[in-house]
Amino acid sequence: MIMKKGTLLVLLFYCLTNIQAQQARKAIFVIVDGIAADVIEKQPTPALDKIAKQGGYTRAHVGGEKGGYSETPTISAVGYNSLLTGTWVNKHNVWDNDIAAPNYHYWTIFRYFKEQYPQKKAAVFSSWLDNRTKLVGESLPQTGNLELDYHFDGLELDTVNYPHDKKRDFMHRIDEAVVDKAADHIKNEGPDLTWVYLEYTDDMGHMFGDSPEYFKAVGKMDSQIGRLWEAISYRERQFKENWVIYITTDHGRDASTGKHHGGQSDRERSTWIVTNAKGLNDYFKTGNPGIVDIMPSIASFLNIRIPREQLMEIDGVPLTGHLSAVSPNLKLEESKLKITWKAIDHTGNAKIWMATTNKFKEGGRDEYVLKGTVPIAKEQAIIDIDGNALPFYKIVLEMPGNFLNRWILMK
């Protein structure tokens, strides 16, 4: 029996629609404040463990390069913006929780996403209003008047429904409301890109340090993550969507008491990442990745194309898929620049680009010059600067798997 043409077209349309639905990709990242890696590893976290079994857990770091030009304070808003932009503080310019002057020329994941996919939905659920209004920069001219599709935040300002108390129990109730609203919105609306921020664990760390109160807060956080995970799992079952979640923290704690952070001690820099992502690469598993690596990982999953000039500025690299190299270093030795890196995939070549300006941070363009092409397996390159040392050098390695960048600032 020959199928009628109209029936065939309907069937083909149905199949294509079904395939597209199965391929719909959604991403969520969660920042739970102030939990050092040693704490998360010692406390029972069944929800995080369940997610990690589908993807992985790794120790990670914040703080940029200790003692280097990218050294970044281990402070909350600073860490959030390092995740959002994939850059360290020398670029994004958020030095503390005042968020006085973010450099919006370094775009957040939300701006990349909405510029490319204006029809898709983005949402923020946060106990802190500044995350949306200052860091994401919603409705600001500097961010191209970026608009999110949904937000639930600012409850820390609502002292009627959440009266502040000395024990900071109000903050736990705010986090509960944030998670309830996020889980409900995920289940019913399925936003394409979501940020959830929870604060209570950091409050307990500041008040009690390494203590039963702090550890109990970690358990409450894990239960909240479990509710988010249930909402995501519902969407995957009912709508055949493909969800990725990244959960991390913004800083560790001091070694002596666990109450403080902000410095560059190993424990203050020590963080972690839990994800259900598939195809995690060796850098995720063994490379002590940074918080800056989460943004390009989400961008890769959501098929966000980052323009070349901006890609050359991003400090992070994807935690999934193919990487060519990581860990760039740059030294001035007499009249030569020595560039080194750690090869992950030894095949292919690295193009060495150099600029001696930093106009990008002002919204301008840097003029890069191709200084050579070398095998990635060589793990180093030497550039002759003709004995004319300049105040600033910006080097970019362009490789098949990823870009790397490195600066030298002359004192």
Protein backbone atom coordinates (compact mmCIF):
# COMPACT_ATOMS: atom_id res chain seq x y z
CA MET A 1 0.00 0.00 0.00
CA ILE A 2 1.40 3.35 -1.00
CA MET A 3 1.34 6.00 1.74
CA LYS A 4 -0.35 9.20 0.71
CA LYS A 5 1.96 12.18 0.28
CA GLY A 6 0.15 14.29 2.89
CA THR A 7 0.34 11.51 5.46
CA LEU A 8 4.05 11.09 4.79
CA LEU A 9 4.71 14.79 5.29
CA VAL A 10 2.81 14.77 8.57
CA LEU A 11 4.82 11.76 9.73
CA LEU A 12 8.12 13.39 8.77
CA PHE A 13 7.14 16.59 10.58
CA TYR A 14 6.22 14.61 13.68
CA CYS A 15 9.54 12.73 13.61
CA LEU A 16 11.57 15.92 13.18
CA THR A 17 9.67 17.64 15.98
CA ASN A 18 10.21 14.66 18.26
CA ILE A 19 13.93 14.58 17.50
CA GLN A 20 14.24 18.29 18.23
CA ALA A 21 12.44 17.83 21.53
CA GLN A 22 14.80 15.01 22.48
CA GLN A 23 17.77 17.18 21.65
CA ALA A 24 16.63 20.23 23.66
CA ARG A 25 19.50 21.19 25.96
CA LYS A 26 19.07 22.97 29.28
CA ALA A 27 21.74 24.09 31.75
CA ILE A 28 21.69 25.08 35.40
CA PHE A 29 24.53 26.14 37.67
CA VAL A 30 24.29 26.41 41.43
CA ILE A 31 26.65 28.33 43.71
CA VAL A 32 26.45 27.24 47.34
CA ASP A 33 28.41 29.74 49.37
CA GLY A 34 31.59 29.14 51.32
CA ILE A 35 32.17 25.36 51.50
CA ALA A 36 35.79 24.22 51.34
CA ALA A 37 36.54 20.96 49.55
CA ASP A 38 37.59 19.10 52.71
CA VAL A 39 34.20 19.90 54.29
CA ILE A 40 32.11 18.71 51.36
CA GLU A 41 34.15 15.51 51.25
CA LYS A 42 33.62 14.68 54.93
CA GLN A 43 29.91 15.42 55.27
CA PRO A 44 27.12 13.14 54.03
CA THR A 45 25.82 14.57 50.76
CA PRO A 46 23.54 11.96 49.16
CA ALA A 47 22.06 14.34 46.60
CA LEU A 48 25.44 15.56 45.40
CA ASP A 49 26.67 11.97 45.33
CA LYS A 50 23.74 10.92 43.14
CA ILE A 51 24.52 13.68 40.65
CA ALA A 52 28.25 12.94 40.68
CA LYS A 53 27.58 9.29 39.84
CA GLN A 54 26.14 10.43 36.52
CA GLY A 55 29.08 12.74 35.84
CA GLY A 56 31.79 13.43 38.36
CA TYR A 57 33.22 15.22 41.37
CA THR A 58 36.52 17.06 41.40
CA ARG A 59 38.47 19.36 43.62
CA ALA A 60 38.83 22.78 42.07
CA HIS A 61 40.16 26.23 42.91
CA VAL A 62 39.38 29.92 43.02
CA GLY A 63 41.77 32.83 43.49
CA GLY A 64 43.48 33.03 40.11
CA GLU A 65 47.24 32.60 40.04
CA LYS A 66 48.63 33.02 43.53
CA GLY A 67 51.22 35.78 43.40
CA GLY A 68 50.54 36.44 39.70
CA TYR A 69 48.75 39.13 37.74
CA SER A 70 45.46 37.23 37.94
CA GLU A 71 45.48 36.71 41.73
CA THR A 72 41.86 37.04 42.76
CA PRO A 73 40.44 37.62 46.25
CA THR A 74 38.62 34.57 47.62
CA ILE A 75 35.51 36.62 48.28
CA SER A 76 31.93 35.76 47.33
CA ALA A 77 30.93 38.19 44.58
CA VAL A 78 34.42 37.95 43.12
CA GLY A 79 34.01 34.20 42.75
CA TYR A 80 30.51 34.50 41.31
CA ASN A 81 31.74 36.83 38.59
CA SER A 82 34.69 34.60 37.80
CA LEU A 83 32.16 31.86 37.07
CA LEU A 84 29.81 34.13 35.14
CA THR A 85 32.52 35.57 32.87
CA GLY A 86 35.09 32.78 32.77
CA THR A 87 37.77 35.32 33.73
CA TRP A 88 39.77 36.28 36.80
CA VAL A 89 39.54 39.59 38.61
CA ASN A 90 42.20 41.38 36.55
CA LYS A 91 39.62 41.31 33.78
CA HIS A 92 36.13 41.32 35.28
CA ASN A 93 37.13 43.93 37.92
CA VAL A 94 34.84 42.80 40.76
CA TRP A 95 37.24 42.98 43.70
CA ASP A 96 34.85 42.62 46.62
CA ASN A 97 31.20 42.37 47.57
CA ASP A 98 30.60 46.06 46.88
CA ILE A 99 30.67 45.26 43.13
CA ALA A 100 31.67 48.87 42.52
CA ALA A 101 32.71 48.77 38.86
CA PRO A 102 32.30 45.48 36.96
CA ASN A 103 33.94 45.49 33.57
CA TYR A 104 31.02 44.50 31.38
CA HIS A 105 33.25 44.18 28.33
CA TYR A 106 33.87 40.69 29.70
CA TRP A 107 30.47 39.19 29.05
CA THR A 108 28.62 36.83 31.35
CA ILE A 109 27.25 33.49 30.22
CA PHE A 110 23.80 35.10 30.25
CA ARG A 111 24.76 37.76 27.75
CA TYR A 112 26.41 35.29 25.39
CA PHE A 113 23.32 33.10 25.65
CA LYS A 114 20.71 35.81 25.10
CA GLU A 115 22.65 37.47 22.28
CA GLN A 116 22.70 34.20 20.36
CA TYR A 117 19.38 32.75 21.47
CA PRO A 118 17.05 35.67 22.27
CA GLN A 119 14.01 33.40 22.00
CA LYS A 120 15.25 31.03 24.71
CA LYS A 121 14.59 31.51 28.41
CA ALA A 122 17.02 32.48 31.17
CA ALA A 123 16.30 32.71 34.89
CA VAL A 124 18.01 33.65 38.17
CA PHE A 125 16.98 32.48 41.63
CA SER A 126 19.06 34.08 44.35
CA SER A 127 19.06 35.19 47.96
CA TRP A 128 21.10 38.20 46.87
CA LEU A 129 19.63 40.87 44.58
CA ASP A 130 23.04 42.16 43.41
CA ASN A 131 23.72 38.91 41.60
CA ARG A 132 21.18 39.86 38.96
CA THR A 133 21.25 43.65 39.03
CA LYS A 134 25.02 44.20 39.30
CA LEU A 135 26.84 41.04 38.22
CA VAL A 136 24.56 39.87 35.41
CA GLY A 137 23.77 43.54 34.90
CA GLU A 138 20.17 43.16 33.84
CA SER A 139 18.70 46.18 32.01
CA LEU A 140 22.00 48.08 32.02
CA PRO A 141 23.20 49.90 28.89
CA GLN A 142 26.65 48.41 29.52
CA THR A 143 25.25 44.90 29.00
CA GLY A 144 23.25 45.79 25.92
CA ASN A 145 20.11 46.13 28.07
CA LEU A 146 20.19 42.41 28.76
CA GLU A 147 16.83 41.09 29.97
CA LEU A 148 16.23 37.81 31.76
CA ASP A 149 12.96 36.00 31.35
CA TYR A 150 12.37 35.27 35.02
CA HIS A 151 13.90 36.07 38.38
CA PHE A 152 13.19 35.45 42.04
CA ASP A 153 15.51 37.36 44.35
CA GLY A 154 15.84 40.27 46.75
CA LEU A 155 14.27 38.48 49.71
CA GLU A 156 17.11 39.63 51.96
CA LEU A 157 15.49 43.07 51.69
CA ASP A 158 12.08 41.78 52.77
CA THR A 159 12.29 42.15 56.53
CA VAL A 160 8.53 41.80 56.95
CA ASN A 161 8.28 38.23 55.72
CA TYR A 162 11.87 37.41 56.62
CA PRO A 163 12.69 39.37 59.80
CA HIS A 164 16.41 39.27 60.46
CA ASP A 165 17.54 37.40 63.54
CA LYS A 166 20.95 37.01 65.15
CA LYS A 167 21.07 33.28 64.43
CA ARG A 168 20.59 33.98 60.71
CA ASP A 169 17.73 31.48 60.54
CA PHE A 170 15.99 33.93 58.20
CA MET A 171 18.65 33.24 55.60
CA HIS A 172 17.90 29.53 55.68
CA ARG A 173 14.23 30.31 55.15
CA ILE A 174 15.14 32.56 52.23
CA ASP A 175 17.25 29.82 50.67
CA GLU A 176 14.32 27.44 51.12
CA ALA A 177 12.04 29.85 49.30
CA VAL A 178 14.62 30.31 46.53
CA VAL A 179 14.91 26.54 46.02
CA ASP A 180 11.16 26.00 46.14
CA LYS A 181 10.59 28.66 43.50
CA ALA A 182 13.48 27.43 41.33
CA ALA A 183 12.32 23.81 41.49
CA ASP A 184 8.76 24.80 40.65
CA HIS A 185 9.84 26.99 37.74
CA ILE A 186 12.16 24.32 36.37
CA LYS A 187 9.45 21.68 36.59
CA ASN A 188 6.74 23.78 34.98
CA GLU A 189 8.62 26.15 32.65
CA GLY A 190 11.95 24.47 31.91
CA PRO A 191 14.15 27.57 31.42
CA ASP A 192 17.09 26.99 29.12
CA LEU A 193 19.73 28.62 31.36
CA THR A 194 19.33 28.94 35.13
CA TRP A 195 21.44 30.26 38.01
CA VAL A 196 20.58 29.32 41.60
CA TYR A 197 22.49 30.91 44.48
CA LEU A 198 22.28 29.81 48.15
CA GLU A 199 23.91 31.69 51.04
CA TYR A 200 23.16 30.01 54.37
CA THR A 201 26.23 27.76 54.51
CA ASP A 202 28.54 30.77 54.38
CA ASP A 203 26.64 32.47 57.19
CA MET A 204 27.11 29.43 59.42
CA GLY A 205 30.77 29.27 58.51
CA HIS A 206 31.32 32.90 59.48
CA MET A 207 29.43 32.50 62.75
CA PHE A 208 30.64 29.11 63.94
CA GLY A 209 33.59 28.06 61.77
CA ASP A 210 34.25 24.33 61.52
CA SER A 211 31.43 23.23 63.76
CA PRO A 212 28.28 21.11 64.05
CA GLU A 213 26.22 24.16 63.04
CA TYR A 214 28.22 24.62 59.85
CA PHE A 215 28.14 20.93 58.98
CA LYS A 216 24.39 20.81 59.59
CA ALA A 217 24.01 23.70 57.13
CA VAL A 218 25.86 21.63 54.53
CA GLY A 219 23.33 18.86 55.04
CA LYS A 220 20.46 21.31 54.54
CA MET A 221 22.09 22.53 51.34
CA ASP A 222 22.36 18.96 50.05
CA SER A 223 18.66 18.43 50.66
CA GLN A 224 17.94 21.58 48.67
CA ILE A 225 20.08 20.34 45.80
CA GLY A 226 18.06 17.13 45.93
CA ARG A 227 14.86 19.09 45.29
CA LEU A 228 16.41 20.84 42.31
CA TRP A 229 17.62 17.48 40.98
CA GLU A 230 14.13 16.01 41.30
CA ALA A 231 12.75 18.88 39.21
CA ILE A 232 15.42 18.37 36.56
CA SER A 233 14.79 14.62 36.49
CA TYR A 234 11.07 15.29 36.01
CA ARG A 235 11.80 17.50 33.00
CA GLU A 236 14.07 14.85 31.49
CA ARG A 237 11.44 12.12 31.92
CA GLN A 238 8.41 14.08 30.81
CA PHE A 239 9.87 16.28 28.08
CA LYS A 240 12.87 14.24 26.89
CA GLU A 241 15.19 17.18 27.55
CA ASN A 242 18.92 16.94 28.08
CA TRP A 243 19.93 18.79 31.25
CA VAL A 244 23.37 19.54 32.62
CA ILE A 245 23.98 20.85 36.14
CA TYR A 246 27.16 22.29 37.63
CA ILE A 247 27.30 22.81 41.39
CA THR A 248 30.21 24.60 43.00
CA THR A 249 31.22 27.04 45.70
CA ASP A 250 32.78 30.48 45.57
CA HIS A 251 35.59 30.10 48.11
CA GLY A 252 36.93 27.91 50.89
CA ARG A 253 37.66 28.90 54.48
CA ASP A 254 40.69 29.70 56.61
CA ALA A 255 42.59 26.73 58.01
CA SER A 256 42.72 27.76 61.66
CA THR A 257 39.04 28.41 62.44
CA GLY A 258 36.97 27.97 59.29
CA LYS A 259 35.31 31.32 59.94
CA HIS A 260 37.13 33.51 57.46
CA HIS A 261 38.11 33.75 53.80
CA GLY A 262 39.47 36.27 51.32
CA GLY A 263 43.15 35.37 51.31
CA GLN A 264 45.29 33.00 49.32
CA SER A 265 45.81 30.10 51.72
CA ASP A 266 45.37 26.65 50.25
CA ARG A 267 42.12 26.08 52.11
CA GLU A 268 40.64 29.44 51.14
CA ARG A 269 41.42 28.64 47.49
CA SER A 270 40.19 25.05 47.72
CA THR A 271 36.78 24.44 46.14
CA TRP A 272 35.00 21.66 44.25
CA ILE A 273 32.67 20.94 41.35
CA VAL A 274 29.88 18.37 41.08
CA THR A 275 28.23 17.77 37.72
CA ASN A 276 26.19 15.24 35.80
CA ALA A 277 27.97 16.23 32.58
CA LYS A 278 28.92 13.47 30.18
CA GLY A 279 32.28 13.33 28.44
CA LEU A 280 34.27 14.89 31.27
CA ASN A 281 37.86 15.23 30.14
CA ASP A 282 41.13 14.44 31.91
CA TYR A 283 41.53 18.06 32.92
CA PHE A 284 38.34 17.79 34.99
CA LYS A 285 39.48 14.52 36.52
CA THR A 286 43.10 15.33 37.33
CA GLY A 287 43.83 18.96 36.54
CA ASN A 288 42.45 20.89 39.54
CA PRO A 289 40.21 23.06 37.34
CA GLY A 290 39.12 26.58 38.26
CA ILE A 291 35.76 28.20 38.73
CA VAL A 292 36.45 30.01 35.44
CA ASP A 293 36.14 26.67 33.60
CA ILE A 294 32.43 26.29 34.31
CA MET A 295 31.28 29.09 31.99
CA PRO A 296 32.94 27.72 28.82
CA SER A 297 31.70 24.23 29.77
CA ILE A 298 28.11 25.45 29.87
CA ALA A 299 28.64 27.43 26.68
CA SER A 300 29.86 24.29 24.94
CA PHE A 301 26.89 22.26 26.15
CA LEU A 302 24.38 24.90 25.01
CA ASN A 303 26.14 25.35 21.66
CA ILE A 304 26.92 28.99 22.38
CA ARG A 305 29.37 30.37 19.84
CA ILE A 306 31.69 32.80 21.58
CA PRO A 307 33.14 35.37 19.15
CA ARG A 308 36.84 34.96 18.47
CA GLU A 309 37.98 38.23 20.07
CA GLN A 310 36.15 37.37 23.28
CA LEU A 311 37.25 33.76 23.22
CA MET A 312 40.85 35.00 23.20
CA GLU A 313 40.20 36.70 26.55
CA ILE A 314 38.48 33.89 28.45
CA ASP A 315 40.66 32.27 31.10
CA GLY A 316 38.64 29.07 31.49
CA VAL A 317 38.50 26.01 29.26
CA PRO A 318 35.71 23.44 28.86
CA LEU A 319 35.61 20.53 31.29
CA THR A 320 34.09 18.25 28.68
CA GLY A 321 35.20 17.18 25.25
CA HIS A 322 38.45 17.73 23.43
CA LEU A 323 41.19 19.93 24.84
CA SER A 324 44.57 20.56 23.26
CA ALA A 325 46.41 22.06 26.23
CA VAL A 326 46.10 23.82 29.60
CA SER A 327 48.31 25.69 32.09
CA PRO A 328 49.95 28.38 29.95
CA ASN A 329 52.96 30.22 31.35
CA LEU A 330 54.95 33.16 30.04
CA LYS A 331 58.38 34.44 31.06
CA LEU A 332 60.61 37.20 29.79
CA GLU A 333 64.17 35.93 29.45
CA GLU A 334 66.55 38.63 28.23
CA SER A 335 65.14 39.66 24.85
CA LYS A 336 62.87 36.66 24.41
CA LEU A 337 59.45 35.55 25.59
CA LYS A 338 59.29 31.91 26.61
CA ILE A 339 55.81 30.38 26.45
CA THR A 340 55.07 26.98 27.95
CA TRP A 341 51.93 24.86 28.31
CA LYS A 342 50.82 21.38 29.26
CA ALA A 343 49.69 19.34 26.28
CA ILE A 344 46.54 17.24 26.70
CA ASP A 345 46.31 16.13 23.08
CA HIS A 346 49.77 16.07 21.52
CA THR A 347 48.52 16.22 17.94
CA GLY A 348 48.20 19.39 15.91
CA ASN A 349 49.82 22.82 16.09
CA ALA A 350 49.54 25.92 18.21
CA LYS A 351 49.43 29.35 16.60
CA ILE A 352 51.17 31.95 18.77
CA TRP A 353 49.48 35.37 18.69
CA MET A 354 50.89 38.43 20.43
CA ALA A 355 49.50 41.87 21.27
CA THR A 356 51.20 44.65 23.22
CA THR A 357 48.02 46.55 24.10
CA ASN A 358 45.00 45.84 26.25
CA LYS A 359 42.36 47.88 24.47
CA PHE A 360 39.82 45.09 24.94
CA LYS A 361 39.16 46.10 28.54
CA GLU A 362 38.00 49.52 27.28
CA GLY A 363 35.82 48.04 24.56
CA GLY A 364 38.46 48.37 21.84
CA ARG A 365 40.35 45.88 19.69
CA ASP A 366 43.87 44.63 20.20
CA GLU A 367 46.04 44.13 17.14
CA TYR A 368 47.40 40.60 17.34
CA VAL A 369 50.42 39.54 15.31
CA LEU A 370 51.06 35.91 14.45
CA LYS A 371 54.51 35.15 15.85
CA GLY A 372 54.78 31.53 14.84
CA THR A 373 53.26 28.06 14.68
CA VAL A 374 54.67 25.18 16.70
CA PRO A 375 53.61 21.58 17.44
CA ILE A 376 51.47 21.34 20.56
CA ALA A 377 53.55 18.36 21.65
CA LYS A 378 56.59 20.64 21.97
CA GLU A 379 54.94 22.37 24.94
CA GLN A 380 56.93 25.56 24.48
CA ALA A 381 57.72 28.37 22.10
CA ILE A 382 60.28 31.18 22.07
CA ILE A 383 59.45 34.64 20.72
CA ASP A 384 62.20 37.14 19.96
CA ILE A 385 61.19 40.68 20.92
CA ASP A 386 64.33 42.27 19.46
CA GLY A 387 65.57 43.57 22.78
CA ASN A 388 62.77 46.15 22.99
CA ALA A 389 60.93 45.25 26.16
CA LEU A 390 57.49 46.84 26.35
CA PRO A 391 55.28 47.37 29.43
CA PHE A 392 52.74 44.75 28.44
CA TYR A 393 52.49 41.52 26.45
CA LYS A 394 49.39 39.48 25.77
CA ILE A 395 49.93 36.03 24.30
CA VAL A 396 47.19 33.79 22.92
CA LEU A 397 47.65 30.16 21.92
CA GLU A 398 45.18 29.10 19.26
CA MET A 399 44.88 25.31 19.06
CA PRO A 400 42.40 22.85 17.54
CA GLY A 401 40.83 22.07 20.91
CA ASN A 402 40.87 25.42 22.71
CA PHE A 403 42.45 28.83 23.20
CA LEU A 404 44.79 29.78 26.05
CA ASN A 405 45.94 33.25 27.03
CA ARG A 406 48.67 34.66 29.23
CA TRP A 407 49.92 38.15 30.11
CA ILE A 408 53.15 39.76 31.23
CA LEU A 409 52.92 43.12 32.99
CA MET A 410 56.24 44.88 33.51
CA LYS A 411 56.60 46.62 36.87
